[in-house]
Amino acid sequence: MGRGLRQVALAVWLPGVALLAITTIVSFASNVTVRELTQDATTVLEAPFYIGSISLLGVILWSAAVAVCLFGAFAPGEPDELRRLLLVSGIFTAVLLFDDAFLLHDEILPRYAGISGELYGVAYLVAMVVYLYALWRPIQRTDRAVLFAALALFAVSAAADLGSSVLAEALPSPLGLLLEDGAKLLAIETWLAYFVMVSRAVLSATPDRPRAGEG
């Protein structure tokens, strides 16, 4: 077995097999079926394919942002402030991804840990302030207006969520949802665009590595 295939086996296949094993154990130990855990929600629920499509697009964009951040952070080159920004942002975005994909603050934490979604929102706000403070130097080297635009859109979405009852009285229901979820989608897109620009700046500053066989 080649070195690359061994690395894939350890880093990719082993966790995947472990996850499938856990899935099997959970299925045998509960009323949850393997089908419910492995197949798409619309298939299990026999719902139309378009159910949750905008939310799914948001998860895909979160995933792209994580990949872009970590790729730039671990690209060949000397350690740099921008790489640290990308690394921390990749980890932070991964947390946001899992929260959004698995409804951590909407369903899991309130139901199973007794932590209200509002408290989780406050924790996110504090984390964002700490994030900006700790990484302000590298952020200043970037087009930070794009980052602030993303944060402003997140704030609009959060405000629409918190004020949903007020919006329901002021706006027709579809418009209130479009404001909340539309601002969130635009925020994720802008977040991804910002880190694409940061990663491009890191990669453009990386010296070309000699090809195999070249001196």
N, C-alpha and C. Protein backbone atom coordinates (compact mmCIF):
# COMPACT_ATOMS: atom_id res chain seq x y z
N MET A 1 0.84 -1.19 0.00
CA MET A 1 0.00 0.00 0.00
C MET A 1 0.88 1.24 0.00
N GLY A 2 0.62 2.16 -0.94
CA GLY A 2 1.42 3.38 -1.04
C GLY A 2 1.19 4.30 0.15
N ARG A 3 2.13 5.26 0.29
CA ARG A 3 2.04 6.17 1.43
C ARG A 3 0.76 6.99 1.39
N GLY A 4 0.40 7.48 0.19
CA GLY A 4 -0.81 8.29 0.08
C GLY A 4 -2.05 7.52 0.45
N LEU A 5 -2.13 6.26 0.01
CA LEU A 5 -3.29 5.44 0.33
C LEU A 5 -3.35 5.12 1.82
N ARG A 6 -2.18 4.92 2.45
CA ARG A 6 -2.16 4.69 3.91
C ARG A 6 -2.69 5.92 4.65
N GLN A 7 -2.28 7.10 4.19
CA GLN A 7 -2.75 8.32 4.84
C GLN A 7 -4.26 8.47 4.69
N VAL A 8 -4.78 8.15 3.50
CA VAL A 8 -6.23 8.21 3.29
C VAL A 8 -6.94 7.20 4.17
N ALA A 9 -6.36 6.01 4.29
CA ALA A 9 -6.98 4.97 5.12
C ALA A 9 -7.08 5.42 6.58
N LEU A 10 -6.03 6.05 7.09
CA LEU A 10 -6.01 6.47 8.49
C LEU A 10 -6.85 7.72 8.72
N ALA A 11 -6.75 8.69 7.81
CA ALA A 11 -7.40 9.99 8.02
C ALA A 11 -8.84 10.03 7.53
N VAL A 12 -9.21 9.17 6.58
CA VAL A 12 -10.54 9.24 5.98
C VAL A 12 -11.35 7.97 6.22
N TRP A 13 -10.80 6.82 5.81
CA TRP A 13 -11.58 5.59 5.92
C TRP A 13 -11.82 5.17 7.36
N LEU A 14 -10.79 5.27 8.22
CA LEU A 14 -10.95 4.83 9.60
C LEU A 14 -12.04 5.62 10.34
N PRO A 15 -12.04 6.97 10.27
CA PRO A 15 -13.15 7.71 10.91
C PRO A 15 -14.50 7.37 10.28
N GLY A 16 -14.50 7.16 8.94
CA GLY A 16 -15.76 6.82 8.29
C GLY A 16 -16.32 5.50 8.75
N VAL A 17 -15.46 4.49 8.86
CA VAL A 17 -15.88 3.18 9.35
C VAL A 17 -16.34 3.28 10.80
N ALA A 18 -15.62 4.07 11.60
CA ALA A 18 -16.02 4.26 13.00
C ALA A 18 -17.41 4.89 13.09
N LEU A 19 -17.67 5.88 12.23
CA LEU A 19 -18.98 6.52 12.22
C LEU A 19 -20.07 5.53 11.83
N LEU A 20 -19.80 4.69 10.84
CA LEU A 20 -20.79 3.68 10.44
C LEU A 20 -21.02 2.66 11.56
N ALA A 21 -19.96 2.33 12.29
CA ALA A 21 -20.11 1.41 13.42
C ALA A 21 -20.99 2.03 14.50
N ILE A 22 -20.76 3.31 14.79
CA ILE A 22 -21.58 4.01 15.79
C ILE A 22 -23.03 4.07 15.33
N THR A 23 -23.22 4.32 14.03
CA THR A 23 -24.57 4.35 13.47
C THR A 23 -25.29 3.03 13.69
N THR A 24 -24.57 1.93 13.46
CA THR A 24 -25.17 0.60 13.65
C THR A 24 -25.53 0.36 15.11
N ILE A 25 -24.63 0.75 16.02
CA ILE A 25 -24.89 0.56 17.45
C ILE A 25 -26.10 1.37 17.89
N VAL A 26 -26.15 2.64 17.45
CA VAL A 26 -27.29 3.50 17.81
C VAL A 26 -28.59 2.90 17.29
N SER A 27 -28.56 2.36 16.08
CA SER A 27 -29.76 1.78 15.49
C SER A 27 -30.26 0.58 16.30
N PHE A 28 -29.33 -0.29 16.71
CA PHE A 28 -29.72 -1.47 17.48
C PHE A 28 -30.16 -1.11 18.90
N ALA A 29 -29.63 -0.01 19.42
CA ALA A 29 -29.92 0.35 20.81
C ALA A 29 -31.11 1.29 20.96
N SER A 30 -31.71 1.70 19.85
CA SER A 30 -32.81 2.66 19.92
C SER A 30 -33.84 2.33 18.86
N ASN A 31 -34.83 3.21 18.77
CA ASN A 31 -35.86 3.06 17.74
C ASN A 31 -35.50 3.76 16.45
N VAL A 32 -34.31 4.33 16.39
CA VAL A 32 -33.85 5.03 15.19
C VAL A 32 -33.30 3.99 14.21
N THR A 33 -33.78 4.04 12.97
CA THR A 33 -33.34 3.06 11.97
C THR A 33 -32.08 3.56 11.25
N VAL A 34 -31.37 2.63 10.65
CA VAL A 34 -30.19 3.00 9.86
C VAL A 34 -30.59 3.92 8.72
N ARG A 35 -31.73 3.64 8.11
CA ARG A 35 -32.21 4.48 7.00
C ARG A 35 -32.41 5.93 7.45
N GLU A 36 -32.93 6.12 8.64
CA GLU A 36 -33.16 7.47 9.14
C GLU A 36 -31.86 8.21 9.38
N LEU A 37 -30.78 7.49 9.65
CA LEU A 37 -29.49 8.11 9.93
C LEU A 37 -28.64 8.32 8.68
N THR A 38 -28.84 7.49 7.67
CA THR A 38 -27.93 7.53 6.53
C THR A 38 -28.50 8.22 5.30
N GLN A 39 -29.82 8.25 5.17
CA GLN A 39 -30.40 8.81 3.95
C GLN A 39 -30.85 10.25 4.15
N ASP A 40 -31.09 10.91 3.03
CA ASP A 40 -31.51 12.31 3.05
C ASP A 40 -32.85 12.45 3.74
N ALA A 41 -33.03 13.56 4.45
CA ALA A 41 -34.26 13.77 5.21
C ALA A 41 -35.49 13.77 4.33
N THR A 42 -35.39 14.37 3.14
CA THR A 42 -36.54 14.41 2.25
C THR A 42 -36.92 13.01 1.77
N THR A 43 -35.93 12.12 1.64
CA THR A 43 -36.21 10.74 1.25
C THR A 43 -36.90 9.99 2.38
N VAL A 44 -36.36 10.14 3.59
CA VAL A 44 -36.94 9.44 4.75
C VAL A 44 -38.37 9.91 5.00
N LEU A 45 -38.58 11.21 4.92
CA LEU A 45 -39.90 11.78 5.20
C LEU A 45 -40.82 11.77 3.99
N GLU A 46 -40.28 11.33 2.85
CA GLU A 46 -41.03 11.32 1.59
C GLU A 46 -41.57 12.71 1.29
N ALA A 47 -40.71 13.72 1.50
CA ALA A 47 -41.07 15.11 1.25
C ALA A 47 -40.56 15.53 -0.12
N PRO A 48 -41.11 16.61 -0.68
CA PRO A 48 -40.61 17.11 -1.97
C PRO A 48 -39.12 17.44 -1.88
N PHE A 49 -38.42 17.29 -2.99
CA PHE A 49 -36.97 17.46 -3.00
C PHE A 49 -36.52 18.85 -2.61
N TYR A 50 -37.38 19.85 -2.82
CA TYR A 50 -36.97 21.24 -2.60
C TYR A 50 -37.12 21.68 -1.14
N ILE A 51 -37.64 20.82 -0.28
CA ILE A 51 -37.80 21.19 1.13
C ILE A 51 -36.42 21.46 1.74
N GLY A 52 -36.27 22.65 2.32
CA GLY A 52 -35.01 23.01 2.98
C GLY A 52 -33.86 23.28 2.04
N SER A 53 -34.16 23.57 0.76
CA SER A 53 -33.09 23.73 -0.22
C SER A 53 -32.20 24.94 0.08
N ILE A 54 -32.79 26.04 0.54
CA ILE A 54 -31.98 27.23 0.85
C ILE A 54 -31.11 26.96 2.07
N SER A 55 -31.66 26.27 3.05
CA SER A 55 -30.87 25.91 4.23
C SER A 55 -29.72 24.98 3.83
N LEU A 56 -29.99 24.03 2.95
CA LEU A 56 -28.95 23.12 2.48
C LEU A 56 -27.86 23.89 1.74
N LEU A 57 -28.25 24.87 0.93
CA LEU A 57 -27.26 25.70 0.24
C LEU A 57 -26.38 26.43 1.24
N GLY A 58 -26.96 26.90 2.32
CA GLY A 58 -26.18 27.56 3.36
C GLY A 58 -25.15 26.63 3.96
N VAL A 59 -25.53 25.37 4.21
CA VAL A 59 -24.59 24.38 4.76
C VAL A 59 -23.45 24.13 3.78
N ILE A 60 -23.78 24.06 2.48
CA ILE A 60 -22.74 23.86 1.46
C ILE A 60 -21.77 25.04 1.46
N LEU A 61 -22.29 26.25 1.58
CA LEU A 61 -21.42 27.44 1.59
C LEU A 61 -20.57 27.49 2.85
N TRP A 62 -21.13 27.10 4.00
CA TRP A 62 -20.33 26.99 5.23
C TRP A 62 -19.17 26.03 5.01
N SER A 63 -19.48 24.87 4.41
CA SER A 63 -18.45 23.85 4.18
C SER A 63 -17.35 24.38 3.26
N ALA A 64 -17.76 25.11 2.23
CA ALA A 64 -16.78 25.70 1.32
C ALA A 64 -15.88 26.69 2.06
N ALA A 65 -16.46 27.47 2.96
CA ALA A 65 -15.67 28.44 3.72
C ALA A 65 -14.65 27.74 4.61
N VAL A 66 -15.07 26.63 5.26
CA VAL A 66 -14.14 25.86 6.10
C VAL A 66 -12.98 25.35 5.24
N ALA A 67 -13.31 24.78 4.08
CA ALA A 67 -12.28 24.22 3.21
C ALA A 67 -11.31 25.30 2.72
N VAL A 68 -11.84 26.45 2.34
CA VAL A 68 -10.99 27.54 1.85
C VAL A 68 -10.06 28.03 2.96
N CYS A 69 -10.60 28.20 4.16
CA CYS A 69 -9.78 28.68 5.28
C CYS A 69 -8.65 27.70 5.61
N LEU A 70 -8.99 26.43 5.74
CA LEU A 70 -7.98 25.46 6.14
C LEU A 70 -6.98 25.20 5.02
N PHE A 71 -7.43 25.26 3.77
CA PHE A 71 -6.49 25.09 2.66
C PHE A 71 -5.46 26.21 2.66
N GLY A 72 -5.93 27.44 2.84
CA GLY A 72 -4.99 28.57 2.89
C GLY A 72 -4.10 28.52 4.11
N ALA A 73 -4.65 28.07 5.25
CA ALA A 73 -3.86 28.03 6.48
C ALA A 73 -2.73 27.02 6.40
N PHE A 74 -2.97 25.89 5.73
CA PHE A 74 -1.98 24.81 5.69
C PHE A 74 -1.25 24.71 4.36
N ALA A 75 -1.44 25.68 3.47
CA ALA A 75 -0.69 25.69 2.21
C ALA A 75 0.79 25.85 2.50
N PRO A 76 1.66 25.30 1.67
CA PRO A 76 3.11 25.43 1.89
C PRO A 76 3.52 26.90 1.99
N GLY A 77 4.38 27.20 2.93
CA GLY A 77 4.85 28.56 3.11
C GLY A 77 5.21 28.84 4.56
N GLU A 78 5.76 30.01 4.78
CA GLU A 78 6.16 30.41 6.13
C GLU A 78 4.94 30.79 6.97
N PRO A 79 5.01 30.54 8.29
CA PRO A 79 3.92 30.98 9.18
C PRO A 79 3.71 32.49 9.05
N ASP A 80 2.46 32.90 9.12
CA ASP A 80 2.13 34.29 8.87
C ASP A 80 0.85 34.63 9.63
N GLU A 81 0.64 35.93 9.91
CA GLU A 81 -0.57 36.35 10.60
C GLU A 81 -1.82 35.97 9.85
N LEU A 82 -1.77 36.07 8.52
CA LEU A 82 -2.94 35.74 7.72
C LEU A 82 -3.25 34.24 7.80
N ARG A 83 -2.22 33.43 7.89
CA ARG A 83 -2.46 31.99 8.06
C ARG A 83 -3.12 31.70 9.40
N ARG A 84 -2.70 32.43 10.42
CA ARG A 84 -3.34 32.26 11.74
C ARG A 84 -4.80 32.70 11.67
N LEU A 85 -5.07 33.79 10.97
CA LEU A 85 -6.44 34.24 10.77
C LEU A 85 -7.27 33.15 10.08
N LEU A 86 -6.70 32.54 9.05
CA LEU A 86 -7.42 31.51 8.32
C LEU A 86 -7.65 30.26 9.18
N LEU A 87 -6.65 29.88 9.97
CA LEU A 87 -6.78 28.69 10.81
C LEU A 87 -7.89 28.88 11.85
N VAL A 88 -7.83 29.99 12.58
CA VAL A 88 -8.83 30.25 13.61
C VAL A 88 -10.22 30.39 12.97
N SER A 89 -10.27 31.07 11.83
CA SER A 89 -11.55 31.27 11.15
C SER A 89 -12.11 29.96 10.63
N GLY A 90 -11.22 29.07 10.17
CA GLY A 90 -11.68 27.76 9.72
C GLY A 90 -12.32 26.97 10.84
N ILE A 91 -11.70 27.00 12.02
CA ILE A 91 -12.25 26.27 13.17
C ILE A 91 -13.57 26.90 13.61
N PHE A 92 -13.59 28.24 13.66
CA PHE A 92 -14.81 28.95 14.06
C PHE A 92 -15.94 28.67 13.08
N THR A 93 -15.62 28.69 11.79
CA THR A 93 -16.64 28.43 10.77
C THR A 93 -17.14 26.99 10.85
N ALA A 94 -16.25 26.06 11.20
CA ALA A 94 -16.68 24.66 11.37
C ALA A 94 -17.71 24.54 12.48
N VAL A 95 -17.52 25.31 13.57
CA VAL A 95 -18.50 25.32 14.65
C VAL A 95 -19.84 25.84 14.15
N LEU A 96 -19.79 26.93 13.38
CA LEU A 96 -21.02 27.50 12.81
C LEU A 96 -21.69 26.51 11.86
N LEU A 97 -20.87 25.80 11.09
CA LEU A 97 -21.39 24.80 10.16
C LEU A 97 -22.16 23.71 10.89
N PHE A 98 -21.54 23.13 11.93
CA PHE A 98 -22.19 22.04 12.66
C PHE A 98 -23.43 22.54 13.40
N ASP A 99 -23.38 23.76 13.90
CA ASP A 99 -24.55 24.33 14.56
C ASP A 99 -25.70 24.44 13.58
N ASP A 100 -25.40 24.96 12.38
CA ASP A 100 -26.45 25.16 11.38
C ASP A 100 -26.96 23.83 10.83
N ALA A 101 -26.04 22.90 10.58
CA ALA A 101 -26.43 21.63 9.95
C ALA A 101 -27.23 20.74 10.89
N PHE A 102 -26.86 20.74 12.17
CA PHE A 102 -27.48 19.81 13.11
C PHE A 102 -28.38 20.51 14.13
N LEU A 103 -28.69 21.80 13.88
CA LEU A 103 -29.63 22.54 14.72
C LEU A 103 -29.24 22.52 16.20
N LEU A 104 -27.95 22.77 16.47
CA LEU A 104 -27.46 22.68 17.85
C LEU A 104 -28.20 23.64 18.78
N HIS A 105 -28.22 24.93 18.40
CA HIS A 105 -28.82 25.89 19.32
C HIS A 105 -30.34 25.98 19.16
N ASP A 106 -30.87 25.45 18.05
CA ASP A 106 -32.32 25.47 17.84
C ASP A 106 -33.02 24.28 18.50
N GLU A 107 -32.38 23.11 18.47
CA GLU A 107 -33.05 21.90 18.93
C GLU A 107 -32.26 21.14 19.99
N ILE A 108 -31.01 20.78 19.68
CA ILE A 108 -30.27 19.82 20.52
C ILE A 108 -29.97 20.39 21.90
N LEU A 109 -29.34 21.58 21.96
CA LEU A 109 -28.97 22.13 23.27
C LEU A 109 -30.17 22.50 24.12
N PRO A 110 -31.20 23.16 23.58
CA PRO A 110 -32.36 23.44 24.44
C PRO A 110 -33.06 22.16 24.92
N ARG A 111 -33.15 21.13 24.07
CA ARG A 111 -33.90 19.94 24.43
C ARG A 111 -33.13 19.00 25.33
N TYR A 112 -31.83 18.82 25.05
CA TYR A 112 -31.07 17.79 25.77
C TYR A 112 -30.11 18.35 26.82
N ALA A 113 -29.76 19.63 26.71
CA ALA A 113 -28.83 20.21 27.69
C ALA A 113 -29.46 21.34 28.49
N GLY A 114 -30.67 21.71 28.14
CA GLY A 114 -31.35 22.77 28.87
C GLY A 114 -30.76 24.14 28.66
N ILE A 115 -30.00 24.33 27.57
CA ILE A 115 -29.39 25.63 27.26
C ILE A 115 -30.27 26.33 26.24
N SER A 116 -30.75 27.51 26.58
CA SER A 116 -31.65 28.22 25.68
C SER A 116 -30.90 28.74 24.47
N GLY A 117 -31.61 28.88 23.36
CA GLY A 117 -31.01 29.42 22.14
C GLY A 117 -30.52 30.83 22.33
N GLU A 118 -31.22 31.60 23.17
CA GLU A 118 -30.80 33.00 23.41
C GLU A 118 -29.44 33.04 24.10
N LEU A 119 -29.22 32.15 25.07
CA LEU A 119 -27.92 32.11 25.76
C LEU A 119 -26.83 31.72 24.78
N TYR A 120 -27.13 30.79 23.88
CA TYR A 120 -26.16 30.39 22.87
C TYR A 120 -25.85 31.57 21.95
N GLY A 121 -26.87 32.37 21.64
CA GLY A 121 -26.64 33.55 20.82
C GLY A 121 -25.72 34.55 21.48
N VAL A 122 -25.88 34.73 22.79
CA VAL A 122 -24.99 35.62 23.54
C VAL A 122 -23.56 35.09 23.50
N ALA A 123 -23.42 33.76 23.64
CA ALA A 123 -22.09 33.15 23.58
C ALA A 123 -21.44 33.39 22.22
N TYR A 124 -22.22 33.31 21.15
CA TYR A 124 -21.69 33.60 19.82
C TYR A 124 -21.24 35.05 19.71
N LEU A 125 -22.03 35.96 20.28
CA LEU A 125 -21.68 37.37 20.22
C LEU A 125 -20.36 37.62 20.95
N VAL A 126 -20.20 37.04 22.13
CA VAL A 126 -18.96 37.20 22.89
C VAL A 126 -17.80 36.60 22.11
N ALA A 127 -18.02 35.41 21.54
CA ALA A 127 -16.96 34.76 20.76
C ALA A 127 -16.54 35.61 19.58
N MET A 128 -17.50 36.26 18.93
CA MET A 128 -17.16 37.11 17.78
C MET A 128 -16.35 38.33 18.20
N VAL A 129 -16.71 38.92 19.34
CA VAL A 129 -15.95 40.08 19.85
C VAL A 129 -14.52 39.66 20.17
N VAL A 130 -14.35 38.51 20.83
CA VAL A 130 -13.02 38.00 21.14
C VAL A 130 -12.25 37.70 19.86
N TYR A 131 -12.93 37.11 18.90
CA TYR A 131 -12.33 36.78 17.61
C TYR A 131 -11.78 38.05 16.93
N LEU A 132 -12.59 39.10 16.87
CA LEU A 132 -12.17 40.34 16.22
C LEU A 132 -11.02 40.99 16.98
N TYR A 133 -11.09 40.96 18.31
CA TYR A 133 -10.04 41.58 19.12
C TYR A 133 -8.71 40.84 18.95
N ALA A 134 -8.76 39.50 19.03
CA ALA A 134 -7.53 38.71 18.98
C ALA A 134 -6.88 38.73 17.60
N LEU A 135 -7.69 38.89 16.55
CA LEU A 135 -7.17 38.79 15.19
C LEU A 135 -7.23 40.13 14.45
N TRP A 136 -7.31 41.21 15.20
CA TRP A 136 -7.48 42.50 14.56
C TRP A 136 -6.29 42.87 13.68
N ARG A 137 -5.08 42.54 14.11
CA ARG A 137 -3.90 42.89 13.30
C ARG A 137 -3.94 42.26 11.91
N PRO A 138 -4.10 40.94 11.80
CA PRO A 138 -4.19 40.38 10.45
C PRO A 138 -5.43 40.84 9.68
N ILE A 139 -6.53 41.07 10.38
CA ILE A 139 -7.74 41.55 9.71
C ILE A 139 -7.49 42.90 9.05
N GLN A 140 -6.68 43.75 9.70
CA GLN A 140 -6.36 45.05 9.12
C GLN A 140 -5.61 44.96 7.80
N ARG A 141 -4.95 43.83 7.56
CA ARG A 141 -4.21 43.64 6.32
C ARG A 141 -5.11 43.17 5.18
N THR A 142 -6.38 42.94 5.47
CA THR A 142 -7.30 42.43 4.47
C THR A 142 -8.33 43.50 4.11
N ASP A 143 -9.19 43.17 3.15
CA ASP A 143 -10.30 44.06 2.80
C ASP A 143 -11.40 43.84 3.84
N ARG A 144 -11.21 44.44 5.01
CA ARG A 144 -12.08 44.13 6.14
C ARG A 144 -13.50 44.63 5.95
N ALA A 145 -13.73 45.51 4.97
CA ALA A 145 -15.10 45.96 4.71
C ALA A 145 -15.99 44.78 4.32
N VAL A 146 -15.41 43.80 3.62
CA VAL A 146 -16.18 42.62 3.22
C VAL A 146 -16.55 41.80 4.46
N LEU A 147 -15.60 41.66 5.39
CA LEU A 147 -15.88 40.93 6.64
C LEU A 147 -16.98 41.64 7.42
N PHE A 148 -16.89 42.95 7.53
CA PHE A 148 -17.89 43.70 8.29
C PHE A 148 -19.25 43.64 7.61
N ALA A 149 -19.26 43.57 6.28
CA ALA A 149 -20.53 43.42 5.57
C ALA A 149 -21.18 42.08 5.93
N ALA A 150 -20.35 41.03 6.00
CA ALA A 150 -20.87 39.72 6.40
C ALA A 150 -21.43 39.76 7.82
N LEU A 151 -20.70 40.39 8.72
CA LEU A 151 -21.16 40.47 10.11
C LEU A 151 -22.43 41.30 10.23
N ALA A 152 -22.54 42.36 9.43
CA ALA A 152 -23.75 43.18 9.45
C ALA A 152 -24.96 42.38 8.97
N LEU A 153 -24.77 41.56 7.95
CA LEU A 153 -25.86 40.73 7.46
C LEU A 153 -26.24 39.66 8.48
N PHE A 154 -25.25 39.09 9.16
CA PHE A 154 -25.57 38.15 10.25
C PHE A 154 -26.39 38.84 11.34
N ALA A 155 -26.01 40.09 11.64
CA ALA A 155 -26.73 40.85 12.67
C ALA A 155 -28.18 41.10 12.25
N VAL A 156 -28.40 41.41 10.98
CA VAL A 156 -29.76 41.61 10.49
C VAL A 156 -30.57 40.33 10.63
N SER A 157 -29.97 39.20 10.26
CA SER A 157 -30.66 37.92 10.38
C SER A 157 -31.00 37.59 11.83
N ALA A 158 -30.03 37.82 12.73
CA ALA A 158 -30.25 37.54 14.15
C ALA A 158 -31.33 38.45 14.73
N ALA A 159 -31.29 39.73 14.32
CA ALA A 159 -32.31 40.67 14.81
C ALA A 159 -33.70 40.28 14.31
N ALA A 160 -33.78 39.83 13.05
CA ALA A 160 -35.06 39.40 12.51
C ALA A 160 -35.57 38.16 13.24
N ASP A 161 -34.64 37.28 13.64
CA ASP A 161 -35.02 36.08 14.38
C ASP A 161 -35.55 36.44 15.76
N LEU A 162 -34.80 37.31 16.47
CA LEU A 162 -35.22 37.71 17.81
C LEU A 162 -36.52 38.51 17.79
N GLY A 163 -36.69 39.31 16.73
CA GLY A 163 -37.90 40.14 16.63
C GLY A 163 -38.95 39.55 15.73
N SER A 164 -38.97 38.22 15.61
CA SER A 164 -39.89 37.58 14.67
C SER A 164 -41.35 37.86 15.00
N SER A 165 -41.67 37.94 16.30
CA SER A 165 -43.07 38.21 16.67
C SER A 165 -43.48 39.62 16.27
N VAL A 166 -42.54 40.58 16.41
CA VAL A 166 -42.84 41.96 15.99
C VAL A 166 -42.95 42.04 14.48
N LEU A 167 -42.03 41.36 13.78
CA LEU A 167 -42.07 41.36 12.32
C LEU A 167 -43.34 40.70 11.80
N ALA A 168 -43.82 39.69 12.52
CA ALA A 168 -45.04 39.00 12.08
C ALA A 168 -46.23 39.94 12.05
N GLU A 169 -46.22 40.93 12.95
CA GLU A 169 -47.30 41.90 12.97
C GLU A 169 -47.09 43.00 11.94
N ALA A 170 -45.82 43.33 11.67
CA ALA A 170 -45.52 44.44 10.76
C ALA A 170 -45.45 44.01 9.30
N LEU A 171 -45.03 42.76 9.07
CA LEU A 171 -44.83 42.28 7.70
C LEU A 171 -45.58 40.97 7.49
N PRO A 172 -45.99 40.71 6.25
CA PRO A 172 -46.54 39.39 5.95
C PRO A 172 -45.50 38.32 6.26
N SER A 173 -45.95 37.14 6.66
CA SER A 173 -45.05 36.07 7.10
C SER A 173 -43.93 35.77 6.11
N PRO A 174 -44.20 35.64 4.81
CA PRO A 174 -43.10 35.33 3.88
C PRO A 174 -42.01 36.38 3.88
N LEU A 175 -42.39 37.66 4.02
CA LEU A 175 -41.38 38.72 4.00
C LEU A 175 -40.49 38.68 5.24
N GLY A 176 -41.08 38.38 6.38
CA GLY A 176 -40.28 38.26 7.60
C GLY A 176 -39.28 37.13 7.51
N LEU A 177 -39.72 35.98 6.97
CA LEU A 177 -38.81 34.85 6.81
C LEU A 177 -37.74 35.15 5.78
N LEU A 178 -38.11 35.83 4.71
CA LEU A 178 -37.12 36.18 3.69
C LEU A 178 -36.07 37.13 4.26
N LEU A 179 -36.50 38.03 5.14
CA LEU A 179 -35.53 38.95 5.75
C LEU A 179 -34.56 38.17 6.63
N GLU A 180 -35.07 37.27 7.44
CA GLU A 180 -34.21 36.50 8.35
C GLU A 180 -33.30 35.54 7.59
N ASP A 181 -33.91 34.67 6.80
CA ASP A 181 -33.12 33.64 6.12
C ASP A 181 -32.37 34.17 4.91
N GLY A 182 -32.93 35.20 4.26
CA GLY A 182 -32.22 35.80 3.12
C GLY A 182 -30.97 36.54 3.57
N ALA A 183 -31.07 37.28 4.67
CA ALA A 183 -29.89 37.97 5.20
C ALA A 183 -28.83 36.97 5.64
N LYS A 184 -29.27 35.85 6.21
CA LYS A 184 -28.33 34.82 6.64
C LYS A 184 -27.60 34.21 5.44
N LEU A 185 -28.34 33.91 4.37
CA LEU A 185 -27.71 33.34 3.18
C LEU A 185 -26.70 34.31 2.57
N LEU A 186 -27.08 35.59 2.47
CA LEU A 186 -26.16 36.59 1.94
C LEU A 186 -24.94 36.74 2.84
N ALA A 187 -25.15 36.62 4.15
CA ALA A 187 -24.04 36.72 5.10
C ALA A 187 -23.04 35.58 4.90
N ILE A 188 -23.56 34.36 4.74
CA ILE A 188 -22.66 33.21 4.54
C ILE A 188 -21.90 33.37 3.23
N GLU A 189 -22.58 33.82 2.18
CA GLU A 189 -21.92 34.04 0.89
C GLU A 189 -20.80 35.07 1.02
N THR A 190 -21.09 36.15 1.75
CA THR A 190 -20.09 37.21 1.93
C THR A 190 -18.93 36.72 2.78
N TRP A 191 -19.23 35.94 3.82
CA TRP A 191 -18.20 35.32 4.67
C TRP A 191 -17.27 34.46 3.83
N LEU A 192 -17.84 33.64 2.97
CA LEU A 192 -17.04 32.79 2.08
C LEU A 192 -16.19 33.65 1.14
N ALA A 193 -16.79 34.68 0.55
CA ALA A 193 -16.05 35.54 -0.38
C ALA A 193 -14.86 36.21 0.30
N TYR A 194 -15.06 36.63 1.55
CA TYR A 194 -13.97 37.28 2.28
C TYR A 194 -12.79 36.34 2.45
N PHE A 195 -13.05 35.10 2.85
CA PHE A 195 -11.95 34.18 3.09
C PHE A 195 -11.34 33.63 1.80
N VAL A 196 -12.09 33.64 0.73
CA VAL A 196 -11.49 33.36 -0.58
C VAL A 196 -10.44 34.42 -0.90
N MET A 197 -10.77 35.68 -0.62
CA MET A 197 -9.81 36.77 -0.88
C MET A 197 -8.59 36.66 0.02
N VAL A 198 -8.82 36.32 1.30
CA VAL A 198 -7.69 36.18 2.21
C VAL A 198 -6.79 35.02 1.79
N SER A 199 -7.40 33.90 1.45
CA SER A 199 -6.62 32.73 1.02
C SER A 199 -5.85 33.03 -0.26
N ARG A 200 -6.46 33.75 -1.16
CA ARG A 200 -5.77 34.10 -2.40
C ARG A 200 -4.56 34.98 -2.11
N ALA A 201 -4.71 35.90 -1.13
CA ALA A 201 -3.59 36.75 -0.76
C ALA A 201 -2.45 35.92 -0.17
N VAL A 202 -2.79 34.93 0.65
CA VAL A 202 -1.77 34.06 1.24
C VAL A 202 -1.07 33.25 0.16
N LEU A 203 -1.84 32.67 -0.75
CA LEU A 203 -1.26 31.82 -1.78
C LEU A 203 -0.43 32.62 -2.78
N SER A 204 -0.85 33.84 -3.07
CA SER A 204 -0.09 34.66 -4.01
C SER A 204 1.24 35.11 -3.42
N ALA A 205 1.32 35.12 -2.08
CA ALA A 205 2.58 35.51 -1.42
C ALA A 205 3.49 34.32 -1.16
N THR A 206 3.01 33.10 -1.48
CA THR A 206 3.81 31.89 -1.25
C THR A 206 4.78 31.69 -2.40
N PRO A 207 6.09 31.60 -2.13
CA PRO A 207 7.06 31.38 -3.21
C PRO A 207 6.78 30.07 -3.93
N ASP A 208 7.03 30.06 -5.22
CA ASP A 208 6.86 28.83 -5.99
C ASP A 208 7.82 27.77 -5.50
N ARG A 209 7.32 26.57 -5.29
CA ARG A 209 8.17 25.47 -4.86
C ARG A 209 8.77 24.81 -6.07
N PRO A 210 10.03 24.37 -6.00
CA PRO A 210 10.62 23.68 -7.16
C PRO A 210 9.92 22.37 -7.45
N ARG A 211 9.73 22.08 -8.70
CA ARG A 211 9.10 20.83 -9.08
C ARG A 211 10.05 19.66 -8.83
N ALA A 212 9.47 18.47 -8.76
CA ALA A 212 10.28 17.27 -8.53
C ALA A 212 11.29 17.12 -9.66
N GLY A 213 12.54 16.91 -9.27
CA GLY A 213 13.58 16.73 -10.28
C GLY A 213 14.31 18.02 -10.62
N GLU A 214 13.76 19.17 -10.15
CA GLU A 214 14.43 20.44 -10.42
C GLU A 214 15.31 20.81 -9.24
N GLY A 215 16.38 21.54 -9.55
CA GLY A 215 17.31 21.88 -8.48
C GLY A 215 16.79 22.92 -7.68
